[in-house]
Structure formats: C-alpha cells, structure tokens
Amino acid sequence: MTAATAWGEDHFIAGDVALDFANTVYRRWPELGTDLYTSTDVLGTWLDRAHLLPASSGASRVITDRDLENARALRRLLWQVFDAQKDGQTIPAGAFAGLLGIASHGSAHVAVSPDGSMTSSNTDGALAILALRAITLVLNPPPQGIRACDRCGWFFIDSSRGRRRRWCSMKICGNQAKAARYRSTHS
C-alpha cells in the first residue's frame, strides 16, 4: 500500500498552477523521482487543492484511471515545454501541439468568466485549464522567466528581488543545499 501525498503549501510554490502541476514528482533530477500521483484519489485531491474541480460532488467528480494517465501525459508535455522555455530553446512543436489538443479536448468542460478566470466541470476540463495556463506561459512568458531548482528540478517563476533564486523552496532544497555546503567545508 502506498501512502497518499498530503498536498500542502510546499507543493504550490511555483507561481503558476501549470508549473505546480509539472512539479508533482518527488524530483526531476538528477534522476526522475517518485510520482506523487499514486492514485486517482491523490490526483483528485491535488485538483481540489488547486481549485480546478467544482465544489459540488457527484458524477462529475469521479476520476478514472484514464484521467490519471491523461494527467501524467500532460505533465510530460509540460516538462518538455518548460524545459525548452527555461533553456531559451524553441518549444518542441509536438509538445505544443499536445497542449493544444488537451485544451481543445477539454474545452467543452471549461467556463471562462469575464475576468478571464476559468472553472471546470470535470477532470477533462481541469486538465484543459492546466494546458491553457501552460500555453499562456509559453506565448506570454513572465518577465522573470521560468527557472528550475538546482537540486530537484522543480519549475518556478523567479519573482525574487534580484532574480537569482536557485531553489524551488528555501525551506526544502535551499536548506539542504546550504547544509551540504556547510558539511563539505567543515569536514
């Protein structure tokens, strides 16, 4: 039996929900870590925590194994797109087309309000919103740029004052890096 991930503030640190969604593995480097989506329930909890599913319960809230596989496929596309973007490379056409396909497929389940905020009626709509948010980041990149943590590879928008942020979180990777540096100089 696998323990369910408890989604807390530390999982929503990237500055955009699409980046947070891409960060749902234990780490991305130096090798790919454990998938934090251990079940359909865990995916549903993440989508709830990210406010991407409707507040009501019922048939529209059922998350299937197919939804979980679609979420993992979307995450792989996000990795390709955001890795290229952070490295200043051309966005892979296939990955961008995949995002457009996911957005198109789920768009019937997305409502867009006059202020531009989006709500979904089911998991397909939630994945479409994530794809649309990623497309927005690609077509209108934040001035701070998208970066990846030096230690774990999680993506984030560098909104630090000097734009020299190196870690996904000072609380986690930053402290680990500083502790490792201290140990190496004091051993």
N, C-alpha and C. Protein backbone atom coordinates (compact mmCIF):
# COMPACT_ATOMS: atom_id res chain seq x y z
N MET A 1 0.85 -1.18 0.00
CA MET A 1 0.00 0.00 0.00
C MET A 1 0.89 1.25 0.00
N THR A 2 0.55 2.19 -0.84
CA THR A 2 1.33 3.42 -0.96
C THR A 2 0.64 4.52 -0.17
N ALA A 3 1.43 5.27 0.56
CA ALA A 3 0.87 6.38 1.33
C ALA A 3 0.44 7.50 0.39
N ALA A 4 -0.68 8.11 0.68
CA ALA A 4 -1.17 9.21 -0.14
C ALA A 4 -0.38 10.47 0.17
N THR A 5 -0.16 11.26 -0.85
CA THR A 5 0.54 12.52 -0.70
C THR A 5 -0.38 13.52 0.00
N ALA A 6 0.14 14.19 0.99
CA ALA A 6 -0.61 15.26 1.66
C ALA A 6 -0.19 16.56 0.99
N TRP A 7 -1.06 17.12 0.18
CA TRP A 7 -0.74 18.33 -0.58
C TRP A 7 -0.80 19.54 0.34
N GLY A 8 0.34 20.16 0.54
CA GLY A 8 0.42 21.34 1.39
C GLY A 8 0.96 22.52 0.61
N GLU A 9 1.23 23.59 1.32
CA GLU A 9 1.75 24.81 0.69
C GLU A 9 3.04 24.56 -0.06
N ASP A 10 3.86 23.62 0.39
CA ASP A 10 5.13 23.34 -0.25
C ASP A 10 4.97 22.77 -1.66
N HIS A 11 3.78 22.32 -2.01
CA HIS A 11 3.53 21.80 -3.35
C HIS A 11 2.99 22.87 -4.30
N PHE A 12 2.75 24.06 -3.80
CA PHE A 12 2.19 25.14 -4.61
C PHE A 12 3.07 26.38 -4.46
N ILE A 13 4.30 26.28 -4.94
CA ILE A 13 5.30 27.32 -4.74
C ILE A 13 5.82 27.90 -6.04
N ALA A 14 5.34 27.40 -7.17
CA ALA A 14 5.95 27.74 -8.45
C ALA A 14 5.54 29.10 -9.00
N GLY A 15 4.42 29.63 -8.56
CA GLY A 15 3.97 30.91 -9.08
C GLY A 15 2.93 30.79 -10.17
N ASP A 16 2.63 29.57 -10.60
CA ASP A 16 1.57 29.32 -11.58
C ASP A 16 1.13 27.86 -11.40
N VAL A 17 -0.17 27.63 -11.51
CA VAL A 17 -0.71 26.30 -11.27
C VAL A 17 -0.18 25.28 -12.30
N ALA A 18 0.10 25.70 -13.52
CA ALA A 18 0.64 24.76 -14.52
C ALA A 18 2.04 24.31 -14.11
N LEU A 19 2.83 25.20 -13.57
CA LEU A 19 4.17 24.83 -13.08
C LEU A 19 4.05 23.93 -11.86
N ASP A 20 3.12 24.24 -10.97
CA ASP A 20 2.90 23.39 -9.80
C ASP A 20 2.50 21.98 -10.24
N PHE A 21 1.67 21.89 -11.27
CA PHE A 21 1.25 20.58 -11.78
C PHE A 21 2.45 19.82 -12.34
N ALA A 22 3.35 20.51 -13.02
CA ALA A 22 4.55 19.87 -13.56
C ALA A 22 5.45 19.37 -12.43
N ASN A 23 5.33 19.93 -11.26
CA ASN A 23 6.19 19.60 -10.12
C ASN A 23 5.64 18.47 -9.26
N THR A 24 4.80 17.62 -9.81
CA THR A 24 4.17 16.58 -9.00
C THR A 24 4.92 15.25 -9.06
N VAL A 25 6.23 15.33 -9.04
CA VAL A 25 7.10 14.19 -8.80
C VAL A 25 8.02 14.59 -7.67
N TYR A 26 8.59 13.60 -6.99
CA TYR A 26 9.44 13.92 -5.86
C TYR A 26 10.60 14.82 -6.28
N ARG A 27 11.19 14.51 -7.43
CA ARG A 27 12.23 15.37 -8.02
C ARG A 27 12.30 15.02 -9.50
N ARG A 28 12.88 15.93 -10.27
CA ARG A 28 13.06 15.67 -11.70
C ARG A 28 14.50 15.35 -12.04
N TRP A 29 15.43 15.77 -11.22
CA TRP A 29 16.83 15.40 -11.43
C TRP A 29 17.55 15.35 -10.11
N PRO A 30 18.66 14.69 -10.03
CA PRO A 30 19.46 14.17 -11.12
C PRO A 30 18.83 12.98 -11.84
N GLU A 31 17.90 12.27 -11.20
CA GLU A 31 17.11 11.25 -11.88
C GLU A 31 15.66 11.48 -11.48
N LEU A 32 14.75 10.95 -12.28
CA LEU A 32 13.33 11.15 -12.01
C LEU A 32 12.95 10.44 -10.72
N GLY A 33 12.32 11.18 -9.83
CA GLY A 33 11.92 10.63 -8.55
C GLY A 33 10.52 10.04 -8.58
N THR A 34 10.03 9.73 -7.42
CA THR A 34 8.73 9.09 -7.26
C THR A 34 7.60 9.99 -7.74
N ASP A 35 6.66 9.38 -8.44
CA ASP A 35 5.46 10.08 -8.89
C ASP A 35 4.58 10.34 -7.66
N LEU A 36 4.20 11.59 -7.44
CA LEU A 36 3.36 11.92 -6.30
C LEU A 36 1.89 11.59 -6.56
N TYR A 37 1.53 11.34 -7.83
CA TYR A 37 0.17 10.90 -8.14
C TYR A 37 0.12 9.38 -8.00
N THR A 38 -0.08 8.91 -6.79
CA THR A 38 -0.07 7.48 -6.51
C THR A 38 -1.42 6.82 -6.79
N SER A 39 -2.46 7.61 -6.98
CA SER A 39 -3.79 7.05 -7.24
C SER A 39 -4.70 8.14 -7.81
N THR A 40 -5.87 7.70 -8.26
CA THR A 40 -6.86 8.66 -8.76
C THR A 40 -7.32 9.59 -7.64
N ASP A 41 -7.41 9.06 -6.43
CA ASP A 41 -7.82 9.89 -5.29
C ASP A 41 -6.81 11.01 -5.02
N VAL A 42 -5.53 10.69 -5.14
CA VAL A 42 -4.48 11.68 -4.91
C VAL A 42 -4.54 12.77 -5.98
N LEU A 43 -4.76 12.37 -7.23
CA LEU A 43 -4.93 13.36 -8.31
C LEU A 43 -6.14 14.24 -8.01
N GLY A 44 -7.23 13.65 -7.60
CA GLY A 44 -8.44 14.42 -7.27
C GLY A 44 -8.19 15.41 -6.14
N THR A 45 -7.45 14.98 -5.15
CA THR A 45 -7.13 15.86 -4.03
C THR A 45 -6.28 17.03 -4.50
N TRP A 46 -5.29 16.76 -5.39
CA TRP A 46 -4.46 17.86 -5.92
C TRP A 46 -5.33 18.83 -6.71
N LEU A 47 -6.20 18.32 -7.57
CA LEU A 47 -7.06 19.20 -8.37
C LEU A 47 -7.99 20.01 -7.48
N ASP A 48 -8.48 19.39 -6.40
CA ASP A 48 -9.29 20.13 -5.42
C ASP A 48 -8.47 21.24 -4.77
N ARG A 49 -7.28 20.88 -4.32
CA ARG A 49 -6.40 21.85 -3.62
C ARG A 49 -6.03 23.01 -4.53
N ALA A 50 -5.92 22.73 -5.83
CA ALA A 50 -5.60 23.77 -6.81
C ALA A 50 -6.84 24.51 -7.29
N HIS A 51 -7.99 24.15 -6.76
CA HIS A 51 -9.27 24.78 -7.09
C HIS A 51 -9.61 24.61 -8.57
N LEU A 52 -9.34 23.43 -9.11
CA LEU A 52 -9.62 23.16 -10.52
C LEU A 52 -10.83 22.26 -10.73
N LEU A 53 -11.40 21.75 -9.66
CA LEU A 53 -12.61 20.94 -9.76
C LEU A 53 -13.76 21.68 -9.11
N PRO A 54 -14.98 21.41 -9.58
CA PRO A 54 -16.13 22.10 -8.97
C PRO A 54 -16.30 21.70 -7.51
N ALA A 55 -16.89 22.59 -6.75
CA ALA A 55 -17.05 22.37 -5.31
C ALA A 55 -18.05 21.27 -5.01
N SER A 56 -18.99 21.02 -5.92
CA SER A 56 -20.00 20.00 -5.64
C SER A 56 -19.43 18.61 -5.88
N SER A 57 -20.07 17.63 -5.28
CA SER A 57 -19.64 16.25 -5.51
C SER A 57 -20.60 15.60 -6.49
N GLY A 58 -20.33 14.38 -6.83
CA GLY A 58 -21.21 13.67 -7.74
C GLY A 58 -20.44 13.07 -8.90
N ALA A 59 -21.16 12.72 -9.96
CA ALA A 59 -20.57 12.02 -11.10
C ALA A 59 -19.46 12.83 -11.76
N SER A 60 -19.59 14.16 -11.75
CA SER A 60 -18.57 14.98 -12.40
C SER A 60 -17.25 14.94 -11.64
N ARG A 61 -17.25 14.43 -10.42
CA ARG A 61 -16.04 14.39 -9.59
C ARG A 61 -15.33 13.05 -9.66
N VAL A 62 -15.89 12.08 -10.36
CA VAL A 62 -15.26 10.77 -10.47
C VAL A 62 -14.01 10.90 -11.32
N ILE A 63 -12.90 10.42 -10.78
CA ILE A 63 -11.63 10.45 -11.51
C ILE A 63 -11.25 9.01 -11.80
N THR A 64 -11.03 8.75 -13.08
CA THR A 64 -10.76 7.39 -13.53
C THR A 64 -9.26 7.15 -13.72
N ASP A 65 -8.92 5.90 -13.95
CA ASP A 65 -7.53 5.56 -14.28
C ASP A 65 -7.11 6.25 -15.58
N ARG A 66 -8.02 6.38 -16.52
CA ARG A 66 -7.73 7.09 -17.77
C ARG A 66 -7.39 8.55 -17.48
N ASP A 67 -8.13 9.17 -16.57
CA ASP A 67 -7.83 10.56 -16.18
C ASP A 67 -6.43 10.66 -15.58
N LEU A 68 -6.06 9.68 -14.76
CA LEU A 68 -4.74 9.68 -14.16
C LEU A 68 -3.65 9.57 -15.23
N GLU A 69 -3.86 8.69 -16.20
CA GLU A 69 -2.89 8.56 -17.30
C GLU A 69 -2.84 9.84 -18.13
N ASN A 70 -3.99 10.45 -18.39
CA ASN A 70 -4.02 11.73 -19.13
C ASN A 70 -3.27 12.82 -18.36
N ALA A 71 -3.42 12.83 -17.05
CA ALA A 71 -2.71 13.82 -16.22
C ALA A 71 -1.21 13.61 -16.30
N ARG A 72 -0.78 12.36 -16.25
CA ARG A 72 0.65 12.08 -16.36
C ARG A 72 1.19 12.44 -17.75
N ALA A 73 0.39 12.20 -18.78
CA ALA A 73 0.81 12.58 -20.14
C ALA A 73 0.92 14.09 -20.26
N LEU A 74 -0.03 14.82 -19.68
CA LEU A 74 0.04 16.29 -19.68
C LEU A 74 1.30 16.75 -18.96
N ARG A 75 1.60 16.15 -17.83
CA ARG A 75 2.79 16.54 -17.08
C ARG A 75 4.06 16.34 -17.92
N ARG A 76 4.15 15.24 -18.67
CA ARG A 76 5.32 15.02 -19.53
C ARG A 76 5.43 16.10 -20.60
N LEU A 77 4.29 16.52 -21.16
CA LEU A 77 4.30 17.62 -22.13
C LEU A 77 4.78 18.92 -21.48
N LEU A 78 4.32 19.17 -20.27
CA LEU A 78 4.74 20.37 -19.56
C LEU A 78 6.24 20.37 -19.32
N TRP A 79 6.80 19.22 -18.98
CA TRP A 79 8.25 19.13 -18.79
C TRP A 79 8.99 19.52 -20.06
N GLN A 80 8.54 19.01 -21.19
CA GLN A 80 9.20 19.32 -22.46
C GLN A 80 9.13 20.81 -22.76
N VAL A 81 7.95 21.37 -22.60
CA VAL A 81 7.72 22.77 -22.93
C VAL A 81 8.49 23.69 -21.98
N PHE A 82 8.37 23.46 -20.68
CA PHE A 82 9.01 24.35 -19.72
C PHE A 82 10.53 24.18 -19.70
N ASP A 83 11.03 22.96 -19.94
CA ASP A 83 12.48 22.78 -20.05
C ASP A 83 13.03 23.58 -21.22
N ALA A 84 12.35 23.51 -22.35
CA ALA A 84 12.79 24.28 -23.52
C ALA A 84 12.73 25.78 -23.23
N GLN A 85 11.65 26.21 -22.60
CA GLN A 85 11.48 27.63 -22.31
C GLN A 85 12.56 28.14 -21.36
N LYS A 86 12.84 27.40 -20.29
CA LYS A 86 13.85 27.86 -19.33
C LYS A 86 15.25 27.87 -19.94
N ASP A 87 15.48 26.98 -20.91
CA ASP A 87 16.79 26.90 -21.55
C ASP A 87 16.92 27.82 -22.76
N GLY A 88 15.87 28.60 -23.04
CA GLY A 88 15.91 29.53 -24.16
C GLY A 88 15.87 28.84 -25.52
N GLN A 89 15.28 27.66 -25.58
CA GLN A 89 15.19 26.91 -26.82
C GLN A 89 13.80 27.02 -27.42
N THR A 90 13.70 26.66 -28.67
CA THR A 90 12.40 26.63 -29.35
C THR A 90 11.52 25.57 -28.68
N ILE A 91 10.28 25.92 -28.47
CA ILE A 91 9.33 24.99 -27.86
C ILE A 91 9.11 23.83 -28.83
N PRO A 92 9.23 22.58 -28.38
CA PRO A 92 9.01 21.44 -29.27
C PRO A 92 7.59 21.47 -29.85
N ALA A 93 7.51 21.40 -31.18
CA ALA A 93 6.22 21.51 -31.86
C ALA A 93 5.26 20.41 -31.41
N GLY A 94 5.75 19.20 -31.25
CA GLY A 94 4.88 18.10 -30.83
C GLY A 94 4.30 18.31 -29.44
N ALA A 95 5.12 18.81 -28.54
CA ALA A 95 4.65 19.07 -27.17
C ALA A 95 3.62 20.20 -27.17
N PHE A 96 3.90 21.25 -27.94
CA PHE A 96 2.95 22.36 -28.01
C PHE A 96 1.63 21.91 -28.63
N ALA A 97 1.73 21.10 -29.68
CA ALA A 97 0.51 20.56 -30.31
C ALA A 97 -0.26 19.69 -29.32
N GLY A 98 0.47 18.93 -28.48
CA GLY A 98 -0.18 18.12 -27.46
C GLY A 98 -0.95 18.97 -26.46
N LEU A 99 -0.37 20.10 -26.06
CA LEU A 99 -1.08 21.01 -25.15
C LEU A 99 -2.34 21.55 -25.81
N LEU A 100 -2.21 21.93 -27.07
CA LEU A 100 -3.38 22.44 -27.80
C LEU A 100 -4.46 21.36 -27.89
N GLY A 101 -4.06 20.11 -28.11
CA GLY A 101 -5.03 19.02 -28.19
C GLY A 101 -5.75 18.80 -26.87
N ILE A 102 -5.02 18.83 -25.77
CA ILE A 102 -5.65 18.66 -24.45
C ILE A 102 -6.60 19.81 -24.17
N ALA A 103 -6.17 21.03 -24.50
CA ALA A 103 -7.02 22.20 -24.29
C ALA A 103 -8.29 22.09 -25.13
N SER A 104 -8.15 21.66 -26.37
CA SER A 104 -9.31 21.52 -27.25
C SER A 104 -10.25 20.43 -26.76
N HIS A 105 -9.69 19.29 -26.38
CA HIS A 105 -10.50 18.15 -25.94
C HIS A 105 -11.34 18.50 -24.71
N GLY A 106 -10.77 19.21 -23.76
CA GLY A 106 -11.49 19.50 -22.53
C GLY A 106 -12.22 20.82 -22.51
N SER A 107 -12.12 21.59 -23.59
CA SER A 107 -12.69 22.95 -23.58
C SER A 107 -14.21 22.97 -23.40
N ALA A 108 -14.89 21.92 -23.77
CA ALA A 108 -16.34 21.87 -23.58
C ALA A 108 -16.71 21.82 -22.10
N HIS A 109 -15.73 21.52 -21.26
CA HIS A 109 -15.98 21.40 -19.82
C HIS A 109 -15.37 22.57 -19.04
N VAL A 110 -15.06 23.65 -19.74
CA VAL A 110 -14.45 24.82 -19.12
C VAL A 110 -15.36 26.03 -19.32
N ALA A 111 -15.58 26.77 -18.25
CA ALA A 111 -16.31 28.04 -18.33
C ALA A 111 -15.32 29.16 -18.06
N VAL A 112 -15.35 30.17 -18.92
CA VAL A 112 -14.46 31.31 -18.76
C VAL A 112 -15.30 32.51 -18.36
N SER A 113 -14.97 33.11 -17.22
CA SER A 113 -15.72 34.27 -16.74
C SER A 113 -15.17 35.54 -17.40
N PRO A 114 -15.91 36.65 -17.30
CA PRO A 114 -15.46 37.90 -17.92
C PRO A 114 -14.08 38.38 -17.46
N ASP A 115 -13.67 38.00 -16.24
CA ASP A 115 -12.35 38.43 -15.75
C ASP A 115 -11.22 37.51 -16.22
N GLY A 116 -11.57 36.49 -17.01
CA GLY A 116 -10.57 35.58 -17.55
C GLY A 116 -10.32 34.35 -16.69
N SER A 117 -10.93 34.29 -15.51
CA SER A 117 -10.75 33.10 -14.69
C SER A 117 -11.55 31.95 -15.29
N MET A 118 -11.06 30.74 -15.06
CA MET A 118 -11.67 29.55 -15.65
C MET A 118 -12.10 28.59 -14.56
N THR A 119 -13.21 27.91 -14.81
CA THR A 119 -13.67 26.84 -13.93
C THR A 119 -13.98 25.63 -14.79
N SER A 120 -13.83 24.46 -14.18
CA SER A 120 -14.08 23.22 -14.93
C SER A 120 -15.24 22.47 -14.31
N SER A 121 -15.87 21.64 -15.13
CA SER A 121 -16.97 20.83 -14.62
C SER A 121 -16.53 19.39 -14.35
N ASN A 122 -15.33 19.02 -14.81
CA ASN A 122 -14.82 17.66 -14.57
C ASN A 122 -13.31 17.62 -14.77
N THR A 123 -12.74 16.44 -14.71
CA THR A 123 -11.29 16.29 -14.83
C THR A 123 -10.77 16.72 -16.19
N ASP A 124 -11.50 16.38 -17.27
CA ASP A 124 -11.07 16.82 -18.61
C ASP A 124 -10.97 18.35 -18.66
N GLY A 125 -11.92 19.03 -18.05
CA GLY A 125 -11.89 20.49 -18.01
C GLY A 125 -10.72 21.00 -17.18
N ALA A 126 -10.44 20.33 -16.07
CA ALA A 126 -9.32 20.74 -15.21
C ALA A 126 -8.00 20.60 -15.97
N LEU A 127 -7.83 19.49 -16.69
CA LEU A 127 -6.61 19.30 -17.48
C LEU A 127 -6.53 20.31 -18.62
N ALA A 128 -7.67 20.65 -19.20
CA ALA A 128 -7.70 21.68 -20.24
C ALA A 128 -7.25 23.02 -19.69
N ILE A 129 -7.71 23.36 -18.49
CA ILE A 129 -7.29 24.62 -17.86
C ILE A 129 -5.78 24.62 -17.65
N LEU A 130 -5.24 23.51 -17.18
CA LEU A 130 -3.78 23.43 -16.98
C LEU A 130 -3.04 23.59 -18.30
N ALA A 131 -3.55 22.96 -19.36
CA ALA A 131 -2.92 23.11 -20.68
C ALA A 131 -3.01 24.56 -21.15
N LEU A 132 -4.15 25.19 -20.95
CA LEU A 132 -4.31 26.60 -21.34
C LEU A 132 -3.38 27.51 -20.55
N ARG A 133 -3.21 27.23 -19.26
CA ARG A 133 -2.28 28.03 -18.45
C ARG A 133 -0.85 27.87 -18.95
N ALA A 134 -0.48 26.64 -19.32
CA ALA A 134 0.85 26.40 -19.87
C ALA A 134 1.04 27.12 -21.20
N ILE A 135 0.03 27.07 -22.05
CA ILE A 135 0.10 27.76 -23.34
C ILE A 135 0.27 29.25 -23.11
N THR A 136 -0.44 29.79 -22.14
CA THR A 136 -0.31 31.21 -21.80
C THR A 136 1.11 31.53 -21.37
N LEU A 137 1.72 30.67 -20.54
CA LEU A 137 3.10 30.90 -20.11
C LEU A 137 4.08 30.84 -21.28
N VAL A 138 3.77 30.02 -22.27
CA VAL A 138 4.65 29.90 -23.44
C VAL A 138 4.50 31.13 -24.34
N LEU A 139 3.26 31.53 -24.58
CA LEU A 139 3.01 32.64 -25.52
C LEU A 139 3.23 34.01 -24.89
N ASN A 140 3.12 34.08 -23.60
CA ASN A 140 3.31 35.34 -22.89
C ASN A 140 4.15 35.06 -21.65
N PRO A 141 5.44 34.78 -21.85
CA PRO A 141 6.28 34.38 -20.70
C PRO A 141 6.38 35.47 -19.66
N PRO A 142 6.46 35.07 -18.40
CA PRO A 142 6.61 36.08 -17.34
C PRO A 142 7.97 36.78 -17.51
N PRO A 143 8.03 38.06 -17.21
CA PRO A 143 9.29 38.79 -17.37
C PRO A 143 10.41 38.20 -16.51
N GLN A 144 10.05 37.58 -15.40
CA GLN A 144 11.05 36.98 -14.53
C GLN A 144 11.61 35.69 -15.10
N GLY A 145 10.89 35.08 -16.02
CA GLY A 145 11.31 33.83 -16.61
C GLY A 145 10.96 32.62 -15.76
N ILE A 146 10.98 31.50 -16.42
CA ILE A 146 10.75 30.23 -15.75
C ILE A 146 12.11 29.61 -15.47
N ARG A 147 12.29 29.15 -14.26
CA ARG A 147 13.55 28.54 -13.85
C ARG A 147 13.25 27.17 -13.28
N ALA A 148 14.31 26.43 -13.01
CA ALA A 148 14.18 25.12 -12.37
C ALA A 148 15.15 25.06 -11.20
N CYS A 149 14.72 24.41 -10.14
CA CYS A 149 15.52 24.28 -8.93
C CYS A 149 16.83 23.56 -9.23
N ASP A 150 17.93 24.08 -8.68
CA ASP A 150 19.25 23.46 -8.86
C ASP A 150 19.33 22.06 -8.27
N ARG A 151 18.52 21.78 -7.27
CA ARG A 151 18.62 20.49 -6.58
C ARG A 151 17.61 19.45 -7.06
N CYS A 152 16.36 19.84 -7.28
CA CYS A 152 15.33 18.84 -7.59
C CYS A 152 14.72 18.99 -8.98
N GLY A 153 14.93 20.13 -9.61
CA GLY A 153 14.40 20.32 -10.96
C GLY A 153 12.99 20.86 -11.03
N TRP A 154 12.37 21.14 -9.87
CA TRP A 154 11.02 21.71 -9.91
C TRP A 154 11.07 23.09 -10.56
N PHE A 155 10.03 23.39 -11.32
CA PHE A 155 9.93 24.68 -12.00
C PHE A 155 9.38 25.76 -11.07
N PHE A 156 9.73 27.01 -11.37
CA PHE A 156 9.16 28.13 -10.64
C PHE A 156 9.38 29.41 -11.45
N ILE A 157 8.56 30.40 -11.16
CA ILE A 157 8.76 31.74 -11.71
C ILE A 157 9.61 32.48 -10.70
N ASP A 158 10.73 32.99 -11.15
CA ASP A 158 11.68 33.64 -10.24
C ASP A 158 11.22 35.07 -9.97
N SER A 159 10.48 35.23 -8.89
CA SER A 159 9.98 36.56 -8.53
C SER A 159 10.81 37.18 -7.41
N SER A 160 12.00 36.61 -7.17
CA SER A 160 12.86 37.19 -6.13
C SER A 160 13.36 38.56 -6.59
N ARG A 161 13.72 39.38 -5.64
CA ARG A 161 14.11 40.76 -5.95
C ARG A 161 15.29 40.84 -6.92
N GLY A 162 16.29 40.06 -6.71
CA GLY A 162 17.48 40.09 -7.57
C GLY A 162 17.41 39.12 -8.73
N ARG A 163 16.31 38.37 -8.82
CA ARG A 163 16.12 37.35 -9.85
C ARG A 163 17.28 36.35 -9.88
N ARG A 164 17.66 35.93 -8.68
CA ARG A 164 18.75 34.96 -8.56
C ARG A 164 18.31 33.73 -7.76
N ARG A 165 17.02 33.51 -7.68
CA ARG A 165 16.51 32.36 -6.95
C ARG A 165 17.04 31.08 -7.59
N ARG A 166 17.53 30.16 -6.76
CA ARG A 166 18.12 28.92 -7.27
C ARG A 166 17.32 27.69 -6.88
N TRP A 167 16.47 27.82 -5.87
CA TRP A 167 15.79 26.65 -5.34
C TRP A 167 14.28 26.81 -5.43
N CYS A 168 13.62 25.67 -5.50
CA CYS A 168 12.16 25.68 -5.53
C CYS A 168 11.63 26.31 -4.24
N SER A 169 12.32 25.99 -3.14
CA SER A 169 11.90 26.47 -1.83
C SER A 169 13.12 26.55 -0.92
N MET A 170 13.28 27.65 -0.26
CA MET A 170 14.37 27.78 0.71
C MET A 170 14.17 26.78 1.84
N LYS A 171 12.91 26.55 2.19
CA LYS A 171 12.57 25.66 3.29
C LYS A 171 13.04 24.23 3.03
N ILE A 172 13.01 23.79 1.78
CA ILE A 172 13.37 22.41 1.48
C ILE A 172 14.74 22.36 0.81
N CYS A 173 14.79 22.61 -0.48
CA CYS A 173 16.04 22.45 -1.23
C CYS A 173 17.10 23.47 -0.82
N GLY A 174 16.70 24.68 -0.51
CA GLY A 174 17.67 25.69 -0.09
C GLY A 174 18.39 25.28 1.18
N ASN A 175 17.64 24.81 2.17
CA ASN A 175 18.26 24.36 3.42
C ASN A 175 19.15 23.15 3.19
N GLN A 176 18.72 22.22 2.33
CA GLN A 176 19.54 21.05 2.04
C GLN A 176 20.85 21.46 1.37
N ALA A 177 20.77 22.38 0.43
CA ALA A 177 21.98 22.84 -0.26
C ALA A 177 22.93 23.54 0.70
N LYS A 178 22.39 24.38 1.54
CA LYS A 178 23.23 25.09 2.50
C LYS A 178 23.85 24.13 3.51
N ALA A 179 23.08 23.14 3.96
CA ALA A 179 23.62 22.15 4.90
C ALA A 179 24.72 21.33 4.23
N ALA A 180 24.52 20.94 2.97
CA ALA A 180 25.55 20.17 2.26
C ALA A 180 26.82 21.01 2.07
N ARG A 181 26.65 22.27 1.74
CA ARG A 181 27.81 23.16 1.58
C ARG A 181 28.55 23.32 2.92
N TYR A 182 27.81 23.46 4.00
CA TYR A 182 28.42 23.58 5.32
C TYR A 182 29.20 22.31 5.67
N ARG A 183 28.58 21.14 5.45
CA ARG A 183 29.25 19.88 5.75
C ARG A 183 30.52 19.72 4.92
N SER A 184 30.49 20.14 3.65
CA SER A 184 31.67 19.97 2.80
C SER A 184 32.82 20.89 3.23
N THR A 185 32.51 22.04 3.80
CA THR A 185 33.57 22.96 4.22
C THR A 185 34.03 22.72 5.66
N HIS A 186 33.25 21.95 6.40
CA HIS A 186 33.60 21.71 7.81
C HIS A 186 33.84 20.23 8.11
N SER A 187 34.29 19.49 7.13
CA SER A 187 34.57 18.08 7.39
C SER A 187 36.02 17.74 7.19
